[in-house]
Structure formats: C-alpha cells, structure tokens
Amino acid sequence: MNVRKRHGSYGFDAPWALAGLLFGAIMLLALAGVSFVLDIPAAGVAFALGGLYTLTSAASYLYTTRRGKFVVWAAELRRLEGDERLLDLGCGRGAVLLLAAERLARGRATGVDRWSTKDQSGNKEAATRANAVAEGVSDRVELVTGDIRELPFADGAFDVIVSSQVIHNVRDAEGRTRALGEAYRVLRPGGLMLIADFQHAPAYEATLRDLGVTDVRRRDAGRRFWYGGPWFRTELVEARKP
C-alpha cells in the first residue's frame, strides 16, 4: 500500500535498541576483519555471518520505525468514515495520531502522552504540535498530557481508540490492566479499539474478554512491523465494545 510522504519528523522507536543493533553489527564485522588478518578464517566467517545477520536485523528495525509501521497503520485506518472522535494512547510524536487525523475531515483526533524521550527519540509535545502543522491537520488535533492508566476523559467520549507500541511500557501487569480498563471506559458502546504491540498482546486480549468484550481478535501485523525480525513481531488486538 502506498502512503503519502510524511512531512513531519517522527524520530526513532526505542533508539537505544537500534543503536545496540548497529553497534553489535559493527563490532562483529570488525572482529571478522581481525580474524582474517590473523589468519583464523573459521572465526572470521563466523563473525562475518553474525555481523551480516545483525546488520539485517538493524535494517528491518530501521524500516519498521521509518516506513513499515506507517504502511500498516494507514491500512488499518482506512475503515474510518471521517466523523469519528479518535483517541491515541501514548501518541508520541504523532505517527499514528496524524495518519488518523488526515482521514477525519469532520472528526477529531486526540493524543494523550507523558512526552517521554526514553521510548522515542525527541518525543516532546512541541514536536508533535509541529508535526501536526507540517501534515496540515493541526485544526483537528488535540494534545493532552496524561497517564494512560488514569485518562482525563468522560465515559464513552471516543468512537475509536488506537495505541501503537505503548502499553507494554507500563511495567506491571496490574498497570497494563488498568490502562486497558481506562481505554474501555472512555470508548463508546460499539466503538473500535486497535492496539499494536510486540509484547503482552495475548494478555490484552484476555483482559478485554474479562471486561465483557466478545468481538475481539488478535492477529500478526506482518513483516512490515518487525523490530529486527519475526522474534520481535508486532501483533494487533482489535475489539468492539459491546
């Protein structure tokens, strides 16, 4: 699927992880070179293969954070009709929030975040506002500072709730359950919830079922949403509130 060129600046997801992969690839390739110089070809081949493997993982990670996730989310958001009230949990610099806003000509997109720099490079509220301007959707976007475990919104305030690689950042299972409960609370009956995460997706599905959701399913988001390889694949949890 073709996605319009993004005009905003969206940084890198978990930049420390990408840096680690690149550093590892460089070190392994350097060790390969040293091994060949010292006439230890078996070690050189092993290090070279490890370096190329790690470099391939880094390329996969880079593709996902800069392109792949946008393609996946653009496809998921095609179902929007244009008049929805949408909430993005942990919107960061607006990668998903602003894709959604482009489809909400008569609606409203709200992003809530604590604006941390740990999980996304340069993740500041001012950067998200600048991205909204760059993408031409600032008139239909609202940014709110808040904790996803205690959302500052009324019950049933939103038609659609999305979240991408955020809920796993809540370290304890109880906190993640609270975050899902809050999302469920502020979603209207019949509303759609879409959660993308590479951790705890089965637990999210179970929690939503415990909350009374029967129309819920979990699926693989595909290779475009791999953070280095299939061992860090992203799953999508889709649910409709009864």
C-alpha atoms as a PDB file:
ATOM      1  CA  MET A   1       0.000   0.000   0.000  1.00  0.00           C
ATOM      2  CA  ASN A   2       1.316   3.460  -0.906  1.00  0.00           C
ATOM      3  CA  VAL A   3       1.449   6.003   1.909  1.00  0.00           C
ATOM      4  CA  ARG A   4       1.701   9.714   1.284  1.00  0.00           C
ATOM      5  CA  LYS A   5       5.150  11.082   2.049  1.00  0.00           C
ATOM      6  CA  ARG A   6       5.253  12.241   5.650  1.00  0.00           C
ATOM      7  CA  HIS A   7       6.210  15.867   6.209  1.00  0.00           C
ATOM      8  CA  GLY A   8       6.669  15.667   9.966  1.00  0.00           C
ATOM      9  CA  SER A   9       9.667  14.425  11.933  1.00  0.00           C
ATOM     10  CA  TYR A  10       8.835  11.227  13.832  1.00  0.00           C
ATOM     11  CA  GLY A  11      12.148  10.138  15.309  1.00  0.00           C
ATOM     12  CA  PHE A  12      13.041   6.514  16.012  1.00  0.00           C
ATOM     13  CA  ASP A  13      11.212   3.983  18.171  1.00  0.00           C
ATOM     14  CA  ALA A  14      13.370   2.892  21.143  1.00  0.00           C
ATOM     15  CA  PRO A  15      16.506   4.459  19.614  1.00  0.00           C
ATOM     16  CA  TRP A  16      18.751   2.701  22.134  1.00  0.00           C
ATOM     17  CA  ALA A  17      17.704  -0.681  20.687  1.00  0.00           C
ATOM     18  CA  LEU A  18      18.509   0.386  17.134  1.00  0.00           C
ATOM     19  CA  ALA A  19      21.847   1.791  18.279  1.00  0.00           C
ATOM     20  CA  GLY A  20      22.600  -1.517  20.005  1.00  0.00           C
ATOM     21  CA  LEU A  21      21.952  -3.486  16.825  1.00  0.00           C
ATOM     22  CA  LEU A  22      24.151  -1.182  14.748  1.00  0.00           C
ATOM     23  CA  PHE A  23      26.950  -1.265  17.327  1.00  0.00           C
ATOM     24  CA  GLY A  24      26.750  -5.045  17.512  1.00  0.00           C
ATOM     25  CA  ALA A  25      26.940  -5.365  13.724  1.00  0.00           C
ATOM     26  CA  ILE A  26      29.977  -3.070  13.545  1.00  0.00           C
ATOM     27  CA  MET A  27      31.785  -4.954  16.319  1.00  0.00           C
ATOM     28  CA  LEU A  28      31.123  -8.367  14.754  1.00  0.00           C
ATOM     29  CA  LEU A  29      32.303  -7.207  11.331  1.00  0.00           C
ATOM     30  CA  ALA A  30      35.394  -5.655  12.908  1.00  0.00           C
ATOM     31  CA  LEU A  31      36.153  -8.950  14.664  1.00  0.00           C
ATOM     32  CA  ALA A  32      35.706 -10.717  11.338  1.00  0.00           C
ATOM     33  CA  GLY A  33      38.294  -8.434   9.775  1.00  0.00           C
ATOM     34  CA  VAL A  34      40.749  -9.011  12.623  1.00  0.00           C
ATOM     35  CA  SER A  35      40.238 -12.774  12.398  1.00  0.00           C
ATOM     36  CA  PHE A  36      41.035 -12.816   8.692  1.00  0.00           C
ATOM     37  CA  VAL A  37      44.118 -10.645   9.245  1.00  0.00           C
ATOM     38  CA  LEU A  38      45.305 -13.092  11.926  1.00  0.00           C
ATOM     39  CA  ASP A  39      44.627 -15.993   9.539  1.00  0.00           C
ATOM     40  CA  ILE A  40      41.792 -17.506  11.575  1.00  0.00           C
ATOM     41  CA  PRO A  41      39.320 -17.967   8.711  1.00  0.00           C
ATOM     42  CA  ALA A  42      36.777 -20.081  10.593  1.00  0.00           C
ATOM     43  CA  ALA A  43      36.362 -17.376  13.225  1.00  0.00           C
ATOM     44  CA  GLY A  44      36.320 -14.723  10.504  1.00  0.00           C
ATOM     45  CA  VAL A  45      33.484 -16.430   8.669  1.00  0.00           C
ATOM     46  CA  ALA A  46      31.513 -16.905  11.897  1.00  0.00           C
ATOM     47  CA  PHE A  47      31.936 -13.260  12.917  1.00  0.00           C
ATOM     48  CA  ALA A  48      31.109 -12.056   9.390  1.00  0.00           C
ATOM     49  CA  LEU A  49      27.912 -14.089   9.256  1.00  0.00           C
ATOM     50  CA  GLY A  50      26.923 -12.827  12.708  1.00  0.00           C
ATOM     51  CA  GLY A  51      27.650  -9.257  11.669  1.00  0.00           C
ATOM     52  CA  LEU A  52      25.610  -9.515   8.478  1.00  0.00           C
ATOM     53  CA  TYR A  53      22.750 -11.137  10.387  1.00  0.00           C
ATOM     54  CA  THR A  54      22.771  -8.339  12.970  1.00  0.00           C
ATOM     55  CA  LEU A  55      23.027  -5.708  10.242  1.00  0.00           C
ATOM     56  CA  THR A  56      19.985  -7.234   8.529  1.00  0.00           C
ATOM     57  CA  SER A  57      18.099  -7.047  11.835  1.00  0.00           C
ATOM     58  CA  ALA A  58      19.056  -3.383  12.160  1.00  0.00           C
ATOM     59  CA  ALA A  59      17.799  -2.723   8.623  1.00  0.00           C
ATOM     60  CA  SER A  60      14.481  -4.398   9.475  1.00  0.00           C
ATOM     61  CA  TYR A  61      14.195  -2.286  12.626  1.00  0.00           C
ATOM     62  CA  LEU A  62      15.010   0.909  10.747  1.00  0.00           C
ATOM     63  CA  TYR A  63      12.471   0.118   8.026  1.00  0.00           C
ATOM     64  CA  THR A  64       9.709  -0.520  10.562  1.00  0.00           C
ATOM     65  CA  THR A  65      10.272   2.652  12.540  1.00  0.00           C
ATOM     66  CA  ARG A  66      10.635   4.896   9.486  1.00  0.00           C
ATOM     67  CA  ARG A  67       8.249   3.330   6.980  1.00  0.00           C
ATOM     68  CA  GLY A  68       6.700  -0.033   7.754  1.00  0.00           C
ATOM     69  CA  LYS A  69       4.543   0.956  10.724  1.00  0.00           C
ATOM     70  CA  PHE A  70       3.054   3.835   8.714  1.00  0.00           C
ATOM     71  CA  VAL A  71       2.020   1.411   5.947  1.00  0.00           C
ATOM     72  CA  VAL A  72       0.390  -0.963   8.424  1.00  0.00           C
ATOM     73  CA  TRP A  73      -1.478   1.757  10.277  1.00  0.00           C
ATOM     74  CA  ALA A  74      -2.595   3.506   7.085  1.00  0.00           C
ATOM     75  CA  ALA A  75      -4.237   0.248   6.020  1.00  0.00           C
ATOM     76  CA  GLU A  76      -5.922  -0.199   9.412  1.00  0.00           C
ATOM     77  CA  LEU A  77      -7.238   3.363   9.456  1.00  0.00           C
ATOM     78  CA  ARG A  78      -8.885   3.147   6.043  1.00  0.00           C
ATOM     79  CA  ARG A  79     -12.050   1.996   7.841  1.00  0.00           C
ATOM     80  CA  LEU A  80     -12.537   5.445   9.390  1.00  0.00           C
ATOM     81  CA  GLU A  81     -15.533   7.257   7.931  1.00  0.00           C
ATOM     82  CA  GLY A  82     -14.286  10.779   8.702  1.00  0.00           C
ATOM     83  CA  ASP A  83     -16.502  11.969  11.538  1.00  0.00           C
ATOM     84  CA  GLU A  84     -15.145   9.903  14.440  1.00  0.00           C
ATOM     85  CA  ARG A  85     -13.749  11.084  17.751  1.00  0.00           C
ATOM     86  CA  LEU A  86     -10.455   9.213  17.990  1.00  0.00           C
ATOM     87  CA  LEU A  87      -8.033   8.827  20.901  1.00  0.00           C
ATOM     88  CA  ASP A  88      -4.412   7.738  20.520  1.00  0.00           C
ATOM     89  CA  LEU A  89      -2.975   6.307  23.757  1.00  0.00           C
ATOM     90  CA  GLY A  90       0.680   7.334  24.039  1.00  0.00           C
ATOM     91  CA  CYS A  91       0.704   9.252  20.773  1.00  0.00           C
ATOM     92  CA  GLY A  92       4.381  10.246  20.915  1.00  0.00           C
ATOM     93  CA  ARG A  93       5.314  12.462  18.011  1.00  0.00           C
ATOM     94  CA  GLY A  94       2.044  11.639  16.258  1.00  0.00           C
ATOM     95  CA  ALA A  95       2.909   8.862  13.809  1.00  0.00           C
ATOM     96  CA  VAL A  96      -0.492   7.177  14.176  1.00  0.00           C
ATOM     97  CA  LEU A  97      -2.427  10.162  15.516  1.00  0.00           C
ATOM     98  CA  LEU A  98      -1.741  12.312  12.461  1.00  0.00           C
ATOM     99  CA  LEU A  99      -2.368   9.491   9.982  1.00  0.00           C
ATOM    100  CA  ALA A 100      -5.781   9.179  11.582  1.00  0.00           C
ATOM    101  CA  ALA A 101      -6.370  12.931  11.612  1.00  0.00           C
ATOM    102  CA  GLU A 102      -5.875  13.046   7.842  1.00  0.00           C
ATOM    103  CA  ARG A 103      -8.955  10.832   7.496  1.00  0.00           C
ATOM    104  CA  LEU A 104     -11.077  12.800   9.990  1.00  0.00           C
ATOM    105  CA  ALA A 105     -12.274  15.723   7.901  1.00  0.00           C
ATOM    106  CA  ARG A 106     -15.333  16.088  10.135  1.00  0.00           C
ATOM    107  CA  GLY A 107     -13.953  14.414  13.246  1.00  0.00           C
ATOM    108  CA  ARG A 108     -11.362  14.996  15.929  1.00  0.00           C
ATOM    109  CA  ALA A 109      -8.135  13.217  16.874  1.00  0.00           C
ATOM    110  CA  THR A 110      -6.907  13.454  20.456  1.00  0.00           C
ATOM    111  CA  GLY A 111      -3.479  12.289  21.569  1.00  0.00           C
ATOM    112  CA  VAL A 112      -2.529  11.646  25.194  1.00  0.00           C
ATOM    113  CA  ASP A 113       1.059  11.143  26.329  1.00  0.00           C
ATOM    114  CA  ARG A 114       3.524  11.814  29.120  1.00  0.00           C
ATOM    115  CA  TRP A 115       6.037  13.069  26.491  1.00  0.00           C
ATOM    116  CA  SER A 116       8.981  10.866  27.489  1.00  0.00           C
ATOM    117  CA  THR A 117      12.223  10.731  25.455  1.00  0.00           C
ATOM    118  CA  LYS A 118      13.038   7.175  26.594  1.00  0.00           C
ATOM    119  CA  ASP A 119      10.931   5.188  24.140  1.00  0.00           C
ATOM    120  CA  GLN A 120      11.037   7.505  21.145  1.00  0.00           C
ATOM    121  CA  SER A 121      13.784   9.941  20.206  1.00  0.00           C
ATOM    122  CA  GLY A 122      12.884  13.600  20.710  1.00  0.00           C
ATOM    123  CA  ASN A 123       9.419  12.777  21.993  1.00  0.00           C
ATOM    124  CA  LYS A 124       8.182  16.216  23.074  1.00  0.00           C
ATOM    125  CA  GLU A 125       4.739  17.776  22.901  1.00  0.00           C
ATOM    126  CA  ALA A 126       6.101  20.732  20.925  1.00  0.00           C
ATOM    127  CA  ALA A 127       7.469  18.340  18.289  1.00  0.00           C
ATOM    128  CA  THR A 128       4.066  16.674  17.976  1.00  0.00           C
ATOM    129  CA  ARG A 129       2.352  20.025  17.501  1.00  0.00           C
ATOM    130  CA  ALA A 130       4.915  20.947  14.855  1.00  0.00           C
ATOM    131  CA  ASN A 131       4.249  17.658  13.073  1.00  0.00           C
ATOM    132  CA  ALA A 132       0.507  18.353  13.092  1.00  0.00           C
ATOM    133  CA  VAL A 133       1.177  21.680  11.396  1.00  0.00           C
ATOM    134  CA  ALA A 134       3.543  20.052   8.895  1.00  0.00           C
ATOM    135  CA  GLU A 135       0.937  17.443   7.966  1.00  0.00           C
ATOM    136  CA  GLY A 136      -1.790  20.077   7.643  1.00  0.00           C
ATOM    137  CA  VAL A 137      -4.091  18.658  10.334  1.00  0.00           C
ATOM    138  CA  SER A 138      -3.472  20.904  13.349  1.00  0.00           C
ATOM    139  CA  ASP A 139      -7.064  22.169  13.232  1.00  0.00           C
ATOM    140  CA  ARG A 140      -8.438  18.705  14.025  1.00  0.00           C
ATOM    141  CA  VAL A 141      -5.850  17.545  16.576  1.00  0.00           C
ATOM    142  CA  GLU A 142      -5.823  17.979  20.352  1.00  0.00           C
ATOM    143  CA  LEU A 143      -2.901  17.019  22.595  1.00  0.00           C
ATOM    144  CA  VAL A 144      -3.378  16.166  26.259  1.00  0.00           C
ATOM    145  CA  THR A 145      -0.785  15.425  28.914  1.00  0.00           C
ATOM    146  CA  GLY A 146      -1.872  12.416  30.935  1.00  0.00           C
ATOM    147  CA  ASP A 147      -1.308   8.880  32.153  1.00  0.00           C
ATOM    148  CA  ILE A 148      -2.979   6.116  30.143  1.00  0.00           C
ATOM    149  CA  ARG A 149      -3.773   4.374  33.455  1.00  0.00           C
ATOM    150  CA  GLU A 150      -5.915   7.341  34.518  1.00  0.00           C
ATOM    151  CA  LEU A 151      -7.372   9.029  31.460  1.00  0.00           C
ATOM    152  CA  PRO A 152      -8.810  12.536  31.921  1.00  0.00           C
ATOM    153  CA  PHE A 153     -11.859  11.905  29.735  1.00  0.00           C
ATOM    154  CA  ALA A 154     -15.521  11.133  30.305  1.00  0.00           C
ATOM    155  CA  ASP A 155     -17.040   7.695  29.885  1.00  0.00           C
ATOM    156  CA  GLY A 156     -17.801   6.874  26.241  1.00  0.00           C
ATOM    157  CA  ALA A 157     -16.071  10.006  24.953  1.00  0.00           C
ATOM    158  CA  PHE A 158     -14.495   8.367  21.879  1.00  0.00           C
ATOM    159  CA  ASP A 159     -15.609   6.335  18.880  1.00  0.00           C
ATOM    160  CA  VAL A 160     -12.168   4.863  18.175  1.00  0.00           C
ATOM    161  CA  ILE A 161      -9.143   4.202  20.364  1.00  0.00           C
ATOM    162  CA  VAL A 162      -5.731   3.326  18.931  1.00  0.00           C
ATOM    163  CA  SER A 163      -2.373   2.621  20.518  1.00  0.00           C
ATOM    164  CA  SER A 164       0.944   1.642  18.968  1.00  0.00           C
ATOM    165  CA  GLN A 165       3.807   0.111  20.979  1.00  0.00           C
ATOM    166  CA  VAL A 166       2.850   1.915  24.181  1.00  0.00           C
ATOM    167  CA  ILE A 167       1.015  -0.251  26.713  1.00  0.00           C
ATOM    168  CA  HIS A 168       3.987  -2.591  27.201  1.00  0.00           C
ATOM    169  CA  ASN A 169       5.882   0.396  28.624  1.00  0.00           C
ATOM    170  CA  VAL A 170       3.697   0.112  31.737  1.00  0.00           C
ATOM    171  CA  ARG A 171       5.938  -2.292  33.612  1.00  0.00           C
ATOM    172  CA  ASP A 172       3.485  -4.079  35.893  1.00  0.00           C
ATOM    173  CA  ALA A 173       0.628  -6.283  34.737  1.00  0.00           C
ATOM    174  CA  GLU A 174      -1.809  -4.508  37.049  1.00  0.00           C
ATOM    175  CA  GLY A 175      -0.950  -1.174  35.454  1.00  0.00           C
ATOM    176  CA  ARG A 176      -1.444  -2.563  31.952  1.00  0.00           C
ATOM    177  CA  THR A 177      -4.813  -3.947  33.017  1.00  0.00           C
ATOM    178  CA  ARG A 178      -5.761  -0.521  34.383  1.00  0.00           C
ATOM    179  CA  ALA A 179      -4.741   1.126  31.103  1.00  0.00           C
ATOM    180  CA  LEU A 180      -6.960  -1.242  29.113  1.00  0.00           C
ATOM    181  CA  GLY A 181      -9.789  -0.705  31.572  1.00  0.00           C
ATOM    182  CA  GLU A 182      -9.493   3.048  31.120  1.00  0.00           C
ATOM    183  CA  ALA A 183      -9.481   2.671  27.334  1.00  0.00           C
ATOM    184  CA  TYR A 184     -12.595   0.518  27.590  1.00  0.00           C
ATOM    185  CA  ARG A 185     -14.269   3.107  29.856  1.00  0.00           C
ATOM    186  CA  VAL A 186     -13.771   6.070  27.512  1.00  0.00           C
ATOM    187  CA  LEU A 187     -14.789   4.099  24.403  1.00  0.00           C
ATOM    188  CA  ARG A 188     -18.462   4.368  23.461  1.00  0.00           C
ATOM    189  CA  PRO A 189     -20.585   1.232  23.055  1.00  0.00           C
ATOM    190  CA  GLY A 190     -19.983  -0.118  19.572  1.00  0.00           C
ATOM    191  CA  GLY A 191     -16.667   1.717  19.375  1.00  0.00           C
ATOM    192  CA  LEU A 192     -13.487   0.269  17.869  1.00  0.00           C
ATOM    193  CA  MET A 193     -10.219  -0.383  19.704  1.00  0.00           C
ATOM    194  CA  LEU A 194      -6.964  -1.150  17.851  1.00  0.00           C
ATOM    195  CA  ILE A 195      -3.827  -1.942  19.848  1.00  0.00           C
ATOM    196  CA  ALA A 196      -0.476  -2.733  18.223  1.00  0.00           C
ATOM    197  CA  ASP A 197       2.220  -4.147  20.484  1.00  0.00           C
ATOM    198  CA  PHE A 198       5.098  -6.617  20.353  1.00  0.00           C
ATOM    199  CA  GLN A 199       4.624  -7.641  23.978  1.00  0.00           C
ATOM    200  CA  HIS A 200       1.681  -8.912  26.060  1.00  0.00           C
ATOM    201  CA  ALA A 201      -0.856  -8.985  23.209  1.00  0.00           C
ATOM    202  CA  PRO A 202      -2.384 -12.284  24.428  1.00  0.00           C
ATOM    203  CA  ALA A 203      -2.827 -10.696  27.864  1.00  0.00           C
ATOM    204  CA  TYR A 204      -4.508  -7.649  26.309  1.00  0.00           C
ATOM    205  CA  GLU A 205      -6.952  -9.922  24.515  1.00  0.00           C
ATOM    206  CA  ALA A 206      -7.684 -11.808  27.734  1.00  0.00           C
ATOM    207  CA  THR A 207      -8.201  -8.582  29.688  1.00  0.00           C
ATOM    208  CA  LEU A 208     -10.665  -7.253  27.129  1.00  0.00           C
ATOM    209  CA  ARG A 209     -12.608 -10.517  27.256  1.00  0.00           C
ATOM    210  CA  ASP A 210     -12.696 -10.232  31.043  1.00  0.00           C
ATOM    211  CA  LEU A 211     -14.162  -6.751  30.616  1.00  0.00           C
ATOM    212  CA  GLY A 212     -17.011  -8.260  28.612  1.00  0.00           C
ATOM    213  CA  VAL A 213     -15.795  -7.792  25.040  1.00  0.00           C
ATOM    214  CA  THR A 214     -16.824 -10.726  22.873  1.00  0.00           C
ATOM    215  CA  ASP A 215     -15.906  -9.225  19.489  1.00  0.00           C
ATOM    216  CA  VAL A 216     -12.119  -9.304  19.937  1.00  0.00           C
ATOM    217  CA  ARG A 217      -9.344 -10.908  17.920  1.00  0.00           C
ATOM    218  CA  ARG A 218      -5.561 -10.924  17.818  1.00  0.00           C
ATOM    219  CA  ARG A 219      -3.512 -11.151  14.617  1.00  0.00           C
ATOM    220  CA  ASP A 220       0.007 -10.747  13.273  1.00  0.00           C
ATOM    221  CA  ALA A 221       0.665  -7.271  11.862  1.00  0.00           C
ATOM    222  CA  GLY A 222       3.089  -8.704   9.300  1.00  0.00           C
ATOM    223  CA  ARG A 223       6.739  -8.267   8.384  1.00  0.00           C
ATOM    224  CA  ARG A 224       6.416  -4.507   7.923  1.00  0.00           C
ATOM    225  CA  PHE A 225       6.018  -4.270  11.698  1.00  0.00           C
ATOM    226  CA  TRP A 226       9.022  -6.395  12.707  1.00  0.00           C
ATOM    227  CA  TYR A 227      11.540  -4.736  15.015  1.00  0.00           C
ATOM    228  CA  GLY A 228      14.567  -6.638  13.763  1.00  0.00           C
ATOM    229  CA  GLY A 229      12.916  -9.912  12.796  1.00  0.00           C
ATOM    230  CA  PRO A 230       9.933 -12.210  13.418  1.00  0.00           C
ATOM    231  CA  TRP A 231      11.033 -12.756  17.027  1.00  0.00           C
ATOM    232  CA  PHE A 232      10.062  -9.084  17.620  1.00  0.00           C
ATOM    233  CA  ARG A 233       6.934  -9.104  15.527  1.00  0.00           C
ATOM    234  CA  THR A 234       4.003  -6.846  16.328  1.00  0.00           C
ATOM    235  CA  GLU A 235       0.515  -8.178  16.990  1.00  0.00           C
ATOM    236  CA  LEU A 236      -2.721  -6.269  16.557  1.00  0.00           C
ATOM    237  CA  VAL A 237      -5.576  -6.630  19.027  1.00  0.00           C
ATOM    238  CA  GLU A 238      -8.871  -5.466  17.529  1.00  0.00           C
ATOM    239  CA  ALA A 239     -12.016  -5.176  19.631  1.00  0.00           C
ATOM    240  CA  ARG A 240     -15.532  -3.744  19.523  1.00  0.00           C
ATOM    241  CA  LYS A 241     -17.095  -2.593  22.770  1.00  0.00           C
ATOM    242  CA  PRO A 242     -20.493  -4.221  23.272  1.00  0.00           C
END
